[in-house]
N, C-alpha and C. Protein backbone atom coordinates (compact mmCIF):
# COMPACT_ATOMS: atom_id res chain seq x y z
N MET A 1 -1.55 -4.18 -15.31
CA MET A 1 -1.63 -5.18 -16.35
C MET A 1 -1.26 -6.55 -15.79
N THR A 2 -0.21 -6.62 -14.98
CA THR A 2 0.22 -7.89 -14.41
C THR A 2 -0.84 -8.47 -13.50
N ALA A 3 -1.52 -7.61 -12.72
CA ALA A 3 -2.57 -8.10 -11.83
C ALA A 3 -3.72 -8.70 -12.64
N ARG A 4 -4.05 -8.12 -13.75
CA ARG A 4 -5.13 -8.67 -14.59
C ARG A 4 -4.75 -10.04 -15.14
N ILE A 5 -3.50 -10.20 -15.52
CA ILE A 5 -3.03 -11.50 -16.00
C ILE A 5 -3.09 -12.52 -14.87
N GLY A 6 -2.72 -12.10 -13.67
CA GLY A 6 -2.78 -13.00 -12.51
C GLY A 6 -4.20 -13.43 -12.20
N ILE A 7 -5.14 -12.51 -12.28
CA ILE A 7 -6.55 -12.84 -12.03
C ILE A 7 -7.04 -13.82 -13.09
N ALA A 8 -6.67 -13.60 -14.33
CA ALA A 8 -7.07 -14.52 -15.40
C ALA A 8 -6.46 -15.90 -15.18
N ALA A 9 -5.22 -15.96 -14.72
CA ALA A 9 -4.58 -17.24 -14.43
C ALA A 9 -5.27 -17.96 -13.28
N MET A 10 -5.69 -17.20 -12.26
CA MET A 10 -6.42 -17.80 -11.14
C MET A 10 -7.73 -18.41 -11.62
N GLU A 11 -8.44 -17.72 -12.49
CA GLU A 11 -9.71 -18.23 -13.01
C GLU A 11 -9.49 -19.51 -13.83
N THR A 12 -8.40 -19.55 -14.58
CA THR A 12 -8.12 -20.70 -15.43
C THR A 12 -7.71 -21.92 -14.60
N ALA A 13 -6.89 -21.70 -13.58
CA ALA A 13 -6.35 -22.80 -12.80
C ALA A 13 -7.24 -23.22 -11.63
N ARG A 14 -8.22 -22.42 -11.30
CA ARG A 14 -9.08 -22.71 -10.15
C ARG A 14 -9.95 -23.93 -10.45
N PRO A 15 -9.97 -24.92 -9.53
CA PRO A 15 -10.76 -26.13 -9.78
C PRO A 15 -12.27 -25.90 -9.70
N LEU A 16 -12.71 -24.91 -8.93
CA LEU A 16 -14.13 -24.58 -8.80
C LEU A 16 -14.36 -23.16 -9.29
N PRO A 17 -15.50 -22.90 -9.87
CA PRO A 17 -15.78 -21.53 -10.32
C PRO A 17 -15.96 -20.58 -9.13
N PHE A 18 -15.88 -19.30 -9.39
CA PHE A 18 -16.02 -18.29 -8.34
C PHE A 18 -17.48 -18.04 -7.96
N SER A 19 -18.40 -18.90 -8.35
CA SER A 19 -19.81 -18.65 -8.06
C SER A 19 -20.10 -18.67 -6.56
N ALA A 20 -19.41 -19.50 -5.79
CA ALA A 20 -19.64 -19.58 -4.35
C ALA A 20 -18.99 -18.41 -3.62
N ALA A 21 -17.86 -17.98 -4.10
CA ALA A 21 -17.12 -16.87 -3.48
C ALA A 21 -17.11 -15.69 -4.44
N LYS A 22 -16.86 -14.52 -3.87
CA LYS A 22 -16.78 -13.32 -4.69
C LYS A 22 -15.54 -13.40 -5.59
N ARG A 23 -15.73 -13.16 -6.86
CA ARG A 23 -14.63 -13.17 -7.81
C ARG A 23 -13.70 -11.99 -7.52
N PRO A 24 -12.39 -12.23 -7.37
CA PRO A 24 -11.49 -11.11 -7.11
C PRO A 24 -11.39 -10.19 -8.32
N GLY A 25 -11.24 -8.93 -8.05
CA GLY A 25 -11.08 -7.95 -9.11
C GLY A 25 -9.80 -7.16 -8.92
N LEU A 26 -9.53 -6.30 -9.83
CA LEU A 26 -8.31 -5.51 -9.77
C LEU A 26 -8.29 -4.62 -8.53
N GLY A 27 -9.45 -4.10 -8.14
CA GLY A 27 -9.53 -3.25 -6.96
C GLY A 27 -9.14 -3.97 -5.68
N ASP A 28 -9.34 -5.28 -5.64
CA ASP A 28 -8.96 -6.06 -4.46
C ASP A 28 -7.45 -6.08 -4.26
N PHE A 29 -6.71 -5.93 -5.32
CA PHE A 29 -5.26 -5.98 -5.24
C PHE A 29 -4.61 -4.61 -5.12
N LEU A 30 -5.32 -3.56 -5.48
CA LEU A 30 -4.71 -2.22 -5.50
C LEU A 30 -4.23 -1.77 -4.13
N ALA A 31 -5.02 -1.99 -3.09
CA ALA A 31 -4.61 -1.56 -1.75
C ALA A 31 -3.34 -2.28 -1.32
N ALA A 32 -3.27 -3.57 -1.55
CA ALA A 32 -2.09 -4.33 -1.17
C ALA A 32 -0.86 -3.89 -1.97
N LEU A 33 -1.04 -3.69 -3.26
CA LEU A 33 0.08 -3.26 -4.10
C LEU A 33 0.56 -1.87 -3.72
N THR A 34 -0.37 -0.97 -3.43
CA THR A 34 -0.01 0.39 -3.05
C THR A 34 0.72 0.41 -1.72
N SER A 35 0.23 -0.33 -0.74
CA SER A 35 0.88 -0.34 0.57
C SER A 35 2.26 -0.97 0.48
N PHE A 36 2.41 -2.00 -0.34
CA PHE A 36 3.71 -2.63 -0.52
C PHE A 36 4.70 -1.66 -1.13
N ALA A 37 4.29 -0.95 -2.16
CA ALA A 37 5.18 0.01 -2.82
C ALA A 37 5.52 1.17 -1.90
N THR A 38 4.55 1.65 -1.13
CA THR A 38 4.78 2.75 -0.21
C THR A 38 5.74 2.33 0.90
N ARG A 39 5.57 1.13 1.42
CA ARG A 39 6.44 0.63 2.49
C ARG A 39 7.87 0.49 1.99
N LYS A 40 8.05 -0.06 0.80
CA LYS A 40 9.39 -0.21 0.23
C LYS A 40 10.04 1.15 -0.01
N ASP A 41 9.25 2.12 -0.47
CA ASP A 41 9.77 3.46 -0.72
C ASP A 41 10.19 4.10 0.59
N ALA A 42 9.42 3.91 1.65
CA ALA A 42 9.75 4.49 2.95
C ALA A 42 11.02 3.85 3.52
N GLU A 43 11.21 2.56 3.29
CA GLU A 43 12.41 1.88 3.78
C GLU A 43 13.66 2.38 3.07
N THR A 44 13.58 2.63 1.78
CA THR A 44 14.76 3.08 1.04
C THR A 44 15.09 4.54 1.32
N ASN A 45 14.08 5.34 1.69
CA ASN A 45 14.31 6.75 1.95
C ASN A 45 14.52 7.06 3.43
N ALA A 46 14.46 6.05 4.29
CA ALA A 46 14.63 6.27 5.73
C ALA A 46 16.10 6.58 6.02
N PRO A 47 16.34 7.55 6.90
CA PRO A 47 17.73 7.86 7.26
C PRO A 47 18.34 6.73 8.08
N ASP A 48 19.62 6.49 7.89
CA ASP A 48 20.32 5.45 8.66
C ASP A 48 20.53 5.94 10.08
N LYS A 49 20.37 5.03 11.02
CA LYS A 49 20.57 5.40 12.44
C LYS A 49 21.86 4.86 12.95
């Protein structure tokens, strides 16, 4: 839900329309969000050395 609000805010604040470039979609952010969450989870569950 937050990503959709962010995309809508980008469209509103963008000085030029997305006609020249591909409009970002929710799928564009999913990989980054998933890898970020997975990395943070791995850091918190890593054993201390």
